[in-house]
Amino acid sequence: MNAVGDGGYPIGVWAKNRRAEARRALENAERRAAGETVPVGAGELPENRLVALEAIDPGWCPLGWTVAWQRCFTLTRAHTQAGGTLPEAARELVV
C-alpha cells in the first residue's frame, strides 16, 4: 500500500504494525488462558484501540486469514485486475 497519512507516514506500515499487535494480543490471551505467565501489554494492541478500530472497519484485521490465504488473495486480485479470469468449476487451476 502506498497511501500516506498526515505527515507522510505510510498507512500500510501503520496498519501492518497494528495487525501484528492485535495478533500478539490474541496469542498472549491464549497463552494466559493456558496458564502461562505473560507480561501484560507485551507488544499487544490495547483493548480500547482494538475496539476503536473495529468500530471503524470490522474487517481491518483479518486474524483468521493465514498469510498463505492472504498471498493467494493478492495473487488472485492481481490476476483479475490484469484481465485474467477465474475458474468456474472445482479443481481447475490458474497458473
PDB file of N, CA and C in Angstrom:
ATOM      1  N   MET A   1       0.846  -1.166   0.000  1.00  0.00           N
ATOM      2  CA  MET A   1       0.000   0.000   0.000  1.00  0.00           C
ATOM      3  C   MET A   1       0.896   1.235   0.000  1.00  0.00           C
ATOM      4  N   ASN A   2       0.631   2.166  -0.871  1.00  0.00           N
ATOM      5  CA  ASN A   2       1.449   3.359  -0.988  1.00  0.00           C
ATOM      6  C   ASN A   2       0.822   4.590  -0.361  1.00  0.00           C
ATOM      7  N   ALA A   3      -0.348   4.461   0.239  1.00  0.00           N
ATOM      8  CA  ALA A   3      -1.039   5.607   0.826  1.00  0.00           C
ATOM      9  C   ALA A   3      -0.257   6.128   2.028  1.00  0.00           C
ATOM     10  N   VAL A   4      -0.285   7.438   2.197  1.00  0.00           N
ATOM     11  CA  VAL A   4       0.368   8.059   3.339  1.00  0.00           C
ATOM     12  C   VAL A   4      -0.625   8.950   4.065  1.00  0.00           C
ATOM     13  N   GLY A   5      -0.441   9.064   5.359  1.00  0.00           N
ATOM     14  CA  GLY A   5      -1.299   9.914   6.175  1.00  0.00           C
ATOM     15  C   GLY A   5      -0.677  11.271   6.371  1.00  0.00           C
ATOM     16  N   ASP A   6      -1.284  12.060   7.236  1.00  0.00           N
ATOM     17  CA  ASP A   6      -0.732  13.373   7.555  1.00  0.00           C
ATOM     18  C   ASP A   6       0.701  13.206   8.046  1.00  0.00           C
ATOM     19  N   GLY A   7       1.568  14.038   7.570  1.00  0.00           N
ATOM     20  CA  GLY A   7       2.967  13.956   7.961  1.00  0.00           C
ATOM     21  C   GLY A   7       3.771  12.982   7.123  1.00  0.00           C
ATOM     22  N   GLY A   8       3.126  12.345   6.126  1.00  0.00           N
ATOM     23  CA  GLY A   8       3.846  11.459   5.231  1.00  0.00           C
ATOM     24  C   GLY A   8       4.079  10.056   5.745  1.00  0.00           C
ATOM     25  N   TYR A   9       3.444   9.676   6.862  1.00  0.00           N
ATOM     26  CA  TYR A   9       3.635   8.337   7.412  1.00  0.00           C
ATOM     27  C   TYR A   9       2.869   7.314   6.586  1.00  0.00           C
ATOM     28  N   PRO A  10       3.526   6.231   6.158  1.00  0.00           N
ATOM     29  CA  PRO A  10       2.863   5.219   5.336  1.00  0.00           C
ATOM     30  C   PRO A  10       1.764   4.476   6.113  1.00  0.00           C
ATOM     31  N   ILE A  11       0.539   4.578   5.647  1.00  0.00           N
ATOM     32  CA  ILE A  11      -0.609   3.949   6.296  1.00  0.00           C
ATOM     33  C   ILE A  11      -0.467   2.429   6.313  1.00  0.00           C
ATOM     34  N   GLY A  12       0.052   1.858   5.230  1.00  0.00           N
ATOM     35  CA  GLY A  12       0.217   0.412   5.163  1.00  0.00           C
ATOM     36  C   GLY A  12       1.120  -0.116   6.263  1.00  0.00           C
ATOM     37  N   VAL A  13       2.191   0.599   6.546  1.00  0.00           N
ATOM     38  CA  VAL A  13       3.110   0.205   7.615  1.00  0.00           C
ATOM     39  C   VAL A  13       2.401   0.304   8.960  1.00  0.00           C
ATOM     40  N   TRP A  14       1.667   1.391   9.143  1.00  0.00           N
ATOM     41  CA  TRP A  14       0.924   1.579  10.398  1.00  0.00           C
ATOM     42  C   TRP A  14      -0.068   0.440  10.602  1.00  0.00           C
ATOM     43  N   ALA A  15      -0.851   0.107   9.559  1.00  0.00           N
ATOM     44  CA  ALA A  15      -1.852  -0.951   9.662  1.00  0.00           C
ATOM     45  C   ALA A  15      -1.194  -2.307   9.914  1.00  0.00           C
ATOM     46  N   LYS A  16      -0.090  -2.580   9.237  1.00  0.00           N
ATOM     47  CA  LYS A  16       0.639  -3.837   9.441  1.00  0.00           C
ATOM     48  C   LYS A  16       1.080  -3.963  10.894  1.00  0.00           C
ATOM     49  N   ASN A  17       1.581  -2.877  11.452  1.00  0.00           N
ATOM     50  CA  ASN A  17       2.037  -2.905  12.846  1.00  0.00           C
ATOM     51  C   ASN A  17       0.880  -3.110  13.812  1.00  0.00           C
ATOM     52  N   ARG A  18      -0.260  -2.477  13.564  1.00  0.00           N
ATOM     53  CA  ARG A  18      -1.427  -2.654  14.444  1.00  0.00           C
ATOM     54  C   ARG A  18      -1.953  -4.080  14.340  1.00  0.00           C
ATOM     55  N   ARG A  19      -1.945  -4.663  13.133  1.00  0.00           N
ATOM     56  CA  ARG A  19      -2.400  -6.047  12.971  1.00  0.00           C
ATOM     57  C   ARG A  19      -1.491  -7.004  13.733  1.00  0.00           C
ATOM     58  N   ALA A  20      -0.190  -6.749  13.680  1.00  0.00           N
ATOM     59  CA  ALA A  20       0.751  -7.594  14.427  1.00  0.00           C
ATOM     60  C   ALA A  20       0.481  -7.485  15.925  1.00  0.00           C
ATOM     61  N   GLU A  21       0.200  -6.283  16.397  1.00  0.00           N
ATOM     62  CA  GLU A  21      -0.119  -6.086  17.817  1.00  0.00           C
ATOM     63  C   GLU A  21      -1.423  -6.796  18.184  1.00  0.00           C
ATOM     64  N   ALA A  22      -2.419  -6.771  17.294  1.00  0.00           N
ATOM     65  CA  ALA A  22      -3.692  -7.453  17.554  1.00  0.00           C
ATOM     66  C   ALA A  22      -3.477  -8.960  17.616  1.00  0.00           C
ATOM     67  N   ARG A  23      -2.676  -9.506  16.694  1.00  0.00           N
ATOM     68  CA  ARG A  23      -2.376 -10.939  16.721  1.00  0.00           C
ATOM     69  C   ARG A  23      -1.648 -11.306  18.018  1.00  0.00           C
ATOM     70  N   ARG A  24      -0.708 -10.458  18.409  1.00  0.00           N
ATOM     71  CA  ARG A  24       0.045 -10.712  19.635  1.00  0.00           C
ATOM     72  C   ARG A  24      -0.880 -10.699  20.849  1.00  0.00           C
ATOM     73  N   ALA A  25      -1.842  -9.780  20.872  1.00  0.00           N
ATOM     74  CA  ALA A  25      -2.800  -9.728  21.982  1.00  0.00           C
ATOM     75  C   ALA A  25      -3.602 -11.020  22.057  1.00  0.00           C
ATOM     76  N   LEU A  26      -4.037 -11.519  20.904  1.00  0.00           N
ATOM     77  CA  LEU A  26      -4.800 -12.772  20.863  1.00  0.00           C
ATOM     78  C   LEU A  26      -3.929 -13.940  21.320  1.00  0.00           C
ATOM     79  N   GLU A  27      -2.710 -14.010  20.814  1.00  0.00           N
ATOM     80  CA  GLU A  27      -1.797 -15.092  21.199  1.00  0.00           C
ATOM     81  C   GLU A  27      -1.496 -15.051  22.690  1.00  0.00           C
ATOM     82  N   ASN A  28      -1.246 -13.845  23.215  1.00  0.00           N
ATOM     83  CA  ASN A  28      -0.947 -13.721  24.642  1.00  0.00           C
ATOM     84  C   ASN A  28      -2.154 -14.088  25.498  1.00  0.00           C
ATOM     85  N   ALA A  29      -3.353 -13.738  25.068  1.00  0.00           N
ATOM     86  CA  ALA A  29      -4.563 -14.110  25.806  1.00  0.00           C
ATOM     87  C   ALA A  29      -4.702 -15.633  25.846  1.00  0.00           C
ATOM     88  N   GLU A  30      -4.409 -16.285  24.730  1.00  0.00           N
ATOM     89  CA  GLU A  30      -4.473 -17.746  24.692  1.00  0.00           C
ATOM     90  C   GLU A  30      -3.419 -18.358  25.604  1.00  0.00           C
ATOM     91  N   ARG A  31      -2.232 -17.768  25.615  1.00  0.00           N
ATOM     92  CA  ARG A  31      -1.168 -18.264  26.486  1.00  0.00           C
ATOM     93  C   ARG A  31      -1.533 -18.086  27.952  1.00  0.00           C
ATOM     94  N   ARG A  32      -2.127 -16.934  28.286  1.00  0.00           N
ATOM     95  CA  ARG A  32      -2.554 -16.698  29.669  1.00  0.00           C
ATOM     96  C   ARG A  32      -3.645 -17.694  30.065  1.00  0.00           C
ATOM     97  N   ALA A  33      -4.576 -17.964  29.151  1.00  0.00           N
ATOM     98  CA  ALA A  33      -5.656 -18.920  29.424  1.00  0.00           C
ATOM     99  C   ALA A  33      -5.099 -20.321  29.649  1.00  0.00           C
ATOM    100  N   ALA A  34      -3.962 -20.616  29.029  1.00  0.00           N
ATOM    101  CA  ALA A  34      -3.329 -21.921  29.192  1.00  0.00           C
ATOM    102  C   ALA A  34      -2.463 -21.982  30.452  1.00  0.00           C
ATOM    103  N   GLY A  35      -2.422 -20.876  31.219  1.00  0.00           N
ATOM    104  CA  GLY A  35      -1.689 -20.865  32.473  1.00  0.00           C
ATOM    105  C   GLY A  35      -0.294 -20.286  32.415  1.00  0.00           C
ATOM    106  N   GLU A  36       0.135 -19.826  31.243  1.00  0.00           N
ATOM    107  CA  GLU A  36       1.463 -19.219  31.134  1.00  0.00           C
ATOM    108  C   GLU A  36       1.448 -17.821  31.746  1.00  0.00           C
ATOM    109  N   THR A  37       2.606 -17.398  32.223  1.00  0.00           N
ATOM    110  CA  THR A  37       2.751 -16.042  32.728  1.00  0.00           C
ATOM    111  C   THR A  37       3.296 -15.182  31.589  1.00  0.00           C
ATOM    112  N   VAL A  38       2.483 -14.249  31.127  1.00  0.00           N
ATOM    113  CA  VAL A  38       2.864 -13.360  30.039  1.00  0.00           C
ATOM    114  C   VAL A  38       2.683 -11.938  30.553  1.00  0.00           C
ATOM    115  N   PRO A  39       3.720 -11.098  30.458  1.00  0.00           N
ATOM    116  CA  PRO A  39       3.573  -9.715  30.933  1.00  0.00           C
ATOM    117  C   PRO A  39       2.410  -9.008  30.243  1.00  0.00           C
ATOM    118  N   VAL A  40       1.648  -8.255  30.991  1.00  0.00           N
ATOM    119  CA  VAL A  40       0.525  -7.510  30.434  1.00  0.00           C
ATOM    120  C   VAL A  40       1.057  -6.461  29.465  1.00  0.00           C
ATOM    121  N   GLY A  41       0.433  -6.389  28.293  1.00  0.00           N
ATOM    122  CA  GLY A  41       0.801  -5.381  27.309  1.00  0.00           C
ATOM    123  C   GLY A  41       2.068  -5.687  26.540  1.00  0.00           C
ATOM    124  N   ALA A  42       2.544  -6.928  26.593  1.00  0.00           N
ATOM    125  CA  ALA A  42       3.794  -7.292  25.924  1.00  0.00           C
ATOM    126  C   ALA A  42       3.624  -7.226  24.409  1.00  0.00           C
ATOM    127  N   GLY A  43       3.738  -6.011  23.843  1.00  0.00           N
ATOM    128  CA  GLY A  43       3.621  -5.828  22.403  1.00  0.00           C
ATOM    129  C   GLY A  43       2.208  -5.960  21.877  1.00  0.00           C
ATOM    130  N   GLU A  44       1.221  -5.835  22.769  1.00  0.00           N
ATOM    131  CA  GLU A  44      -0.166  -6.038  22.401  1.00  0.00           C
ATOM    132  C   GLU A  44      -0.862  -4.730  22.042  1.00  0.00           C
ATOM    133  N   LEU A  45      -1.880  -4.836  21.203  1.00  0.00           N
ATOM    134  CA  LEU A  45      -2.748  -3.706  20.910  1.00  0.00           C
ATOM    135  C   LEU A  45      -3.709  -3.572  22.088  1.00  0.00           C
ATOM    136  N   PRO A  46      -3.760  -2.400  22.726  1.00  0.00           N
ATOM    137  CA  PRO A  46      -4.673  -2.229  23.857  1.00  0.00           C
ATOM    138  C   PRO A  46      -6.126  -2.456  23.432  1.00  0.00           C
ATOM    139  N   GLU A  47      -6.908  -2.995  24.349  1.00  0.00           N
ATOM    140  CA  GLU A  47      -8.307  -3.334  24.071  1.00  0.00           C
ATOM    141  C   GLU A  47      -9.088  -2.129  23.547  1.00  0.00           C
ATOM    142  N   ASN A  48      -8.868  -0.941  24.131  1.00  0.00           N
ATOM    143  CA  ASN A  48      -9.626   0.238  23.670  1.00  0.00           C
ATOM    144  C   ASN A  48      -9.272   0.620  22.233  1.00  0.00           C
ATOM    145  N   ARG A  49      -8.026   0.412  21.821  1.00  0.00           N
ATOM    146  CA  ARG A  49      -7.638   0.683  20.425  1.00  0.00           C
ATOM    147  C   ARG A  49      -8.264  -0.343  19.493  1.00  0.00           C
ATOM    148  N   LEU A  50      -8.282  -1.602  19.930  1.00  0.00           N
ATOM    149  CA  LEU A  50      -8.888  -2.663  19.137  1.00  0.00           C
ATOM    150  C   LEU A  50     -10.370  -2.376  18.912  1.00  0.00           C
ATOM    151  N   VAL A  51     -11.068  -1.986  19.966  1.00  0.00           N
ATOM    152  CA  VAL A  51     -12.496  -1.675  19.865  1.00  0.00           C
ATOM    153  C   VAL A  51     -12.708  -0.489  18.922  1.00  0.00           C
ATOM    154  N   ALA A  52     -11.859   0.534  19.028  1.00  0.00           N
ATOM    155  CA  ALA A  52     -11.995   1.718  18.167  1.00  0.00           C
ATOM    156  C   ALA A  52     -11.780   1.359  16.701  1.00  0.00           C
ATOM    157  N   LEU A  53     -10.786   0.540  16.406  1.00  0.00           N
ATOM    158  CA  LEU A  53     -10.527   0.134  15.023  1.00  0.00           C
ATOM    159  C   LEU A  53     -11.645  -0.749  14.490  1.00  0.00           C
ATOM    160  N   GLU A  54     -12.177  -1.637  15.330  1.00  0.00           N
ATOM    161  CA  GLU A  54     -13.301  -2.481  14.921  1.00  0.00           C
ATOM    162  C   GLU A  54     -14.525  -1.628  14.595  1.00  0.00           C
ATOM    163  N   ALA A  55     -14.719  -0.524  15.335  1.00  0.00           N
ATOM    164  CA  ALA A  55     -15.861   0.364  15.085  1.00  0.00           C
ATOM    165  C   ALA A  55     -15.725   1.057  13.728  1.00  0.00           C
ATOM    166  N   ILE A  56     -14.492   1.354  13.333  1.00  0.00           N
ATOM    167  CA  ILE A  56     -14.258   1.998  12.041  1.00  0.00           C
ATOM    168  C   ILE A  56     -14.464   1.007  10.902  1.00  0.00           C
ATOM    169  N   ASP A  57     -13.861  -0.194  11.042  1.00  0.00           N
ATOM    170  CA  ASP A  57     -13.956  -1.218   9.998  1.00  0.00           C
ATOM    171  C   ASP A  57     -13.758  -2.594  10.621  1.00  0.00           C
ATOM    172  N   PRO A  58     -14.835  -3.369  10.753  1.00  0.00           N
ATOM    173  CA  PRO A  58     -14.710  -4.698  11.363  1.00  0.00           C
ATOM    174  C   PRO A  58     -13.731  -5.620  10.632  1.00  0.00           C
ATOM    175  N   GLY A  59     -13.437  -5.359   9.378  1.00  0.00           N
ATOM    176  CA  GLY A  59     -12.518  -6.200   8.623  1.00  0.00           C
ATOM    177  C   GLY A  59     -11.095  -5.691   8.586  1.00  0.00           C
ATOM    178  N   TRP A  60     -10.763  -4.740   9.436  1.00  0.00           N
ATOM    179  CA  TRP A  60      -9.430  -4.123   9.378  1.00  0.00           C
ATOM    180  C   TRP A  60      -8.316  -5.110   9.711  1.00  0.00           C
ATOM    181  N   CYS A  61      -8.619  -6.113  10.525  1.00  0.00           N
ATOM    182  CA  CYS A  61      -7.586  -7.047  10.973  1.00  0.00           C
ATOM    183  C   CYS A  61      -8.080  -8.475  10.835  1.00  0.00           C
ATOM    184  N   PRO A  62      -7.884  -9.059   9.690  1.00  0.00           N
ATOM    185  CA  PRO A  62      -8.389 -10.419   9.451  1.00  0.00           C
ATOM    186  C   PRO A  62      -7.544 -11.479  10.145  1.00  0.00           C
ATOM    187  N   LEU A  63      -7.723 -11.640  11.458  1.00  0.00           N
ATOM    188  CA  LEU A  63      -6.905 -12.582  12.223  1.00  0.00           C
ATOM    189  C   LEU A  63      -7.065 -14.016  11.746  1.00  0.00           C
ATOM    190  N   GLY A  64      -8.224 -14.342  11.215  1.00  0.00           N
ATOM    191  CA  GLY A  64      -8.443 -15.704  10.754  1.00  0.00           C
ATOM    192  C   GLY A  64      -7.835 -15.998   9.397  1.00  0.00           C
ATOM    193  N   TRP A  65      -7.357 -14.972   8.719  1.00  0.00           N
ATOM    194  CA  TRP A  65      -6.782 -15.170   7.394  1.00  0.00           C
ATOM    195  C   TRP A  65      -5.296 -15.451   7.540  1.00  0.00           C
ATOM    196  N   THR A  66      -4.885 -16.654   7.165  1.00  0.00           N
ATOM    197  CA  THR A  66      -3.467 -17.001   7.248  1.00  0.00           C
ATOM    198  C   THR A  66      -2.678 -16.204   6.215  1.00  0.00           C
ATOM    199  N   VAL A  67      -1.390 -16.157   6.386  1.00  0.00           N
ATOM    200  CA  VAL A  67      -0.530 -15.475   5.419  1.00  0.00           C
ATOM    201  C   VAL A  67      -0.658 -16.139   4.049  1.00  0.00           C
ATOM    202  N   ALA A  68      -0.752 -17.465   4.033  1.00  0.00           N
ATOM    203  CA  ALA A  68      -0.912 -18.188   2.757  1.00  0.00           C
ATOM    204  C   ALA A  68      -2.204 -17.759   2.062  1.00  0.00           C
ATOM    205  N   TRP A  69      -3.298 -17.636   2.826  1.00  0.00           N
ATOM    206  CA  TRP A  69      -4.567 -17.209   2.242  1.00  0.00           C
ATOM    207  C   TRP A  69      -4.438 -15.797   1.694  1.00  0.00           C
ATOM    208  N   GLN A  70      -3.804 -14.893   2.448  1.00  0.00           N
ATOM    209  CA  GLN A  70      -3.645 -13.512   2.005  1.00  0.00           C
ATOM    210  C   GLN A  70      -2.804 -13.438   0.733  1.00  0.00           C
ATOM    211  N   ARG A  71      -1.775 -14.269   0.622  1.00  0.00           N
ATOM    212  CA  ARG A  71      -0.955 -14.291  -0.598  1.00  0.00           C
ATOM    213  C   ARG A  71      -1.786 -14.761  -1.786  1.00  0.00           C
ATOM    214  N   CYS A  72      -2.576 -15.802  -1.578  1.00  0.00           N
ATOM    215  CA  CYS A  72      -3.441 -16.288  -2.663  1.00  0.00           C
ATOM    216  C   CYS A  72      -4.448 -15.228  -3.079  1.00  0.00           C
ATOM    217  N   PHE A  73      -5.011 -14.540  -2.108  1.00  0.00           N
ATOM    218  CA  PHE A  73      -5.965 -13.476  -2.411  1.00  0.00           C
ATOM    219  C   PHE A  73      -5.298 -12.376  -3.235  1.00  0.00           C
ATOM    220  N   THR A  74      -4.095 -11.978  -2.831  1.00  0.00           N
ATOM    221  CA  THR A  74      -3.370 -10.926  -3.546  1.00  0.00           C
ATOM    222  C   THR A  74      -3.057 -11.353  -4.970  1.00  0.00           C
ATOM    223  N   LEU A  75      -2.621 -12.599  -5.157  1.00  0.00           N
ATOM    224  CA  LEU A  75      -2.333 -13.095  -6.498  1.00  0.00           C
ATOM    225  C   LEU A  75      -3.601 -13.159  -7.347  1.00  0.00           C
ATOM    226  N   THR A  76      -4.700 -13.580  -6.735  1.00  0.00           N
ATOM    227  CA  THR A  76      -5.975 -13.640  -7.455  1.00  0.00           C
ATOM    228  C   THR A  76      -6.426 -12.257  -7.881  1.00  0.00           C
ATOM    229  N   ARG A  77      -6.325 -11.296  -6.976  1.00  0.00           N
ATOM    230  CA  ARG A  77      -6.710  -9.922  -7.295  1.00  0.00           C
ATOM    231  C   ARG A  77      -5.848  -9.379  -8.429  1.00  0.00           C
ATOM    232  N   ALA A  78      -4.546  -9.597  -8.352  1.00  0.00           N
ATOM    233  CA  ALA A  78      -3.647  -9.116  -9.408  1.00  0.00           C
ATOM    234  C   ALA A  78      -3.989  -9.776 -10.747  1.00  0.00           C
ATOM    235  N   HIS A  79      -4.304 -11.057 -10.716  1.00  0.00           N
ATOM    236  CA  HIS A  79      -4.659 -11.793 -11.940  1.00  0.00           C
ATOM    237  C   HIS A  79      -5.923 -11.212 -12.580  1.00  0.00           C
ATOM    238  N   THR A  80      -6.947 -10.981 -11.766  1.00  0.00           N
ATOM    239  CA  THR A  80      -8.204 -10.457 -12.322  1.00  0.00           C
ATOM    240  C   THR A  80      -8.067  -9.000 -12.758  1.00  0.00           C
ATOM    241  N   GLN A  81      -7.275  -8.219 -12.034  1.00  0.00           N
ATOM    242  CA  GLN A  81      -7.066  -6.821 -12.427  1.00  0.00           C
ATOM    243  C   GLN A  81      -6.291  -6.721 -13.736  1.00  0.00           C
ATOM    244  N   ALA A  82      -5.502  -7.753 -14.041  1.00  0.00           N
ATOM    245  CA  ALA A  82      -4.750  -7.771 -15.297  1.00  0.00           C
ATOM    246  C   ALA A  82      -5.576  -8.347 -16.444  1.00  0.00           C
ATOM    247  N   GLY A  83      -6.872  -8.618 -16.169  1.00  0.00           N
ATOM    248  CA  GLY A  83      -7.746  -9.127 -17.224  1.00  0.00           C
ATOM    249  C   GLY A  83      -7.940 -10.625 -17.219  1.00  0.00           C
ATOM    250  N   GLY A  84      -7.314 -11.318 -16.285  1.00  0.00           N
ATOM    251  CA  GLY A  84      -7.469 -12.766 -16.210  1.00  0.00           C
ATOM    252  C   GLY A  84      -8.831 -13.150 -15.669  1.00  0.00           C
ATOM    253  N   THR A  85      -9.207 -14.370 -15.913  1.00  0.00           N
ATOM    254  CA  THR A  85     -10.479 -14.890 -15.411  1.00  0.00           C
ATOM    255  C   THR A  85     -10.204 -15.990 -14.401  1.00  0.00           C
ATOM    256  N   LEU A  86     -11.204 -16.266 -13.592  1.00  0.00           N
ATOM    257  CA  LEU A  86     -11.089 -17.307 -12.572  1.00  0.00           C
ATOM    258  C   LEU A  86     -11.856 -18.545 -13.000  1.00  0.00           C
ATOM    259  N   PRO A  87     -11.413 -19.709 -12.557  1.00  0.00           N
ATOM    260  CA  PRO A  87     -12.120 -20.944 -12.888  1.00  0.00           C
ATOM    261  C   PRO A  87     -13.537 -20.906 -12.332  1.00  0.00           C
ATOM    262  N   GLU A  88     -14.432 -21.572 -13.017  1.00  0.00           N
ATOM    263  CA  GLU A  88     -15.815 -21.637 -12.549  1.00  0.00           C
ATOM    264  C   GLU A  88     -16.158 -22.991 -11.977  1.00  0.00           C
ATOM    265  N   ALA A  89     -15.270 -23.966 -12.122  1.00  0.00           N
ATOM    266  CA  ALA A  89     -15.510 -25.304 -11.612  1.00  0.00           C
ATOM    267  C   ALA A  89     -14.414 -25.680 -10.628  1.00  0.00           C
ATOM    268  N   ALA A  90     -14.750 -26.570  -9.722  1.00  0.00           N
ATOM    269  CA  ALA A  90     -13.767 -27.047  -8.758  1.00  0.00           C
ATOM    270  C   ALA A  90     -12.632 -27.767  -9.462  1.00  0.00           C
ATOM    271  N   ARG A  91     -11.469 -27.697  -8.877  1.00  0.00           N
ATOM    272  CA  ARG A  91     -10.265 -28.386  -9.328  1.00  0.00           C
ATOM    273  C   ARG A  91      -9.661 -27.847 -10.618  1.00  0.00           C
ATOM    274  N   GLU A  92     -10.127 -26.682 -11.085  1.00  0.00           N
ATOM    275  CA  GLU A  92      -9.457 -26.017 -12.206  1.00  0.00           C
ATOM    276  C   GLU A  92      -8.335 -25.180 -11.609  1.00  0.00           C
ATOM    277  N   LEU A  93      -7.258 -25.042 -12.335  1.00  0.00           N
ATOM    278  CA  LEU A  93      -6.074 -24.368 -11.826  1.00  0.00           C
ATOM    279  C   LEU A  93      -5.725 -23.173 -12.701  1.00  0.00           C
ATOM    280  N   VAL A  94      -5.343 -22.079 -12.061  1.00  0.00           N
ATOM    281  CA  VAL A  94      -4.836 -20.897 -12.760  1.00  0.00           C
ATOM    282  C   VAL A  94      -3.354 -20.793 -12.410  1.00  0.00           C
ATOM    283  N   VAL A  95      -2.523 -20.687 -13.416  1.00  0.00           N
ATOM    284  CA  VAL A  95      -1.084 -20.576 -13.206  1.00  0.00           C
ATOM    285  C   VAL A  95      -0.634 -19.204 -13.665  1.00  0.00           C
TER     286      VAL A  95
END
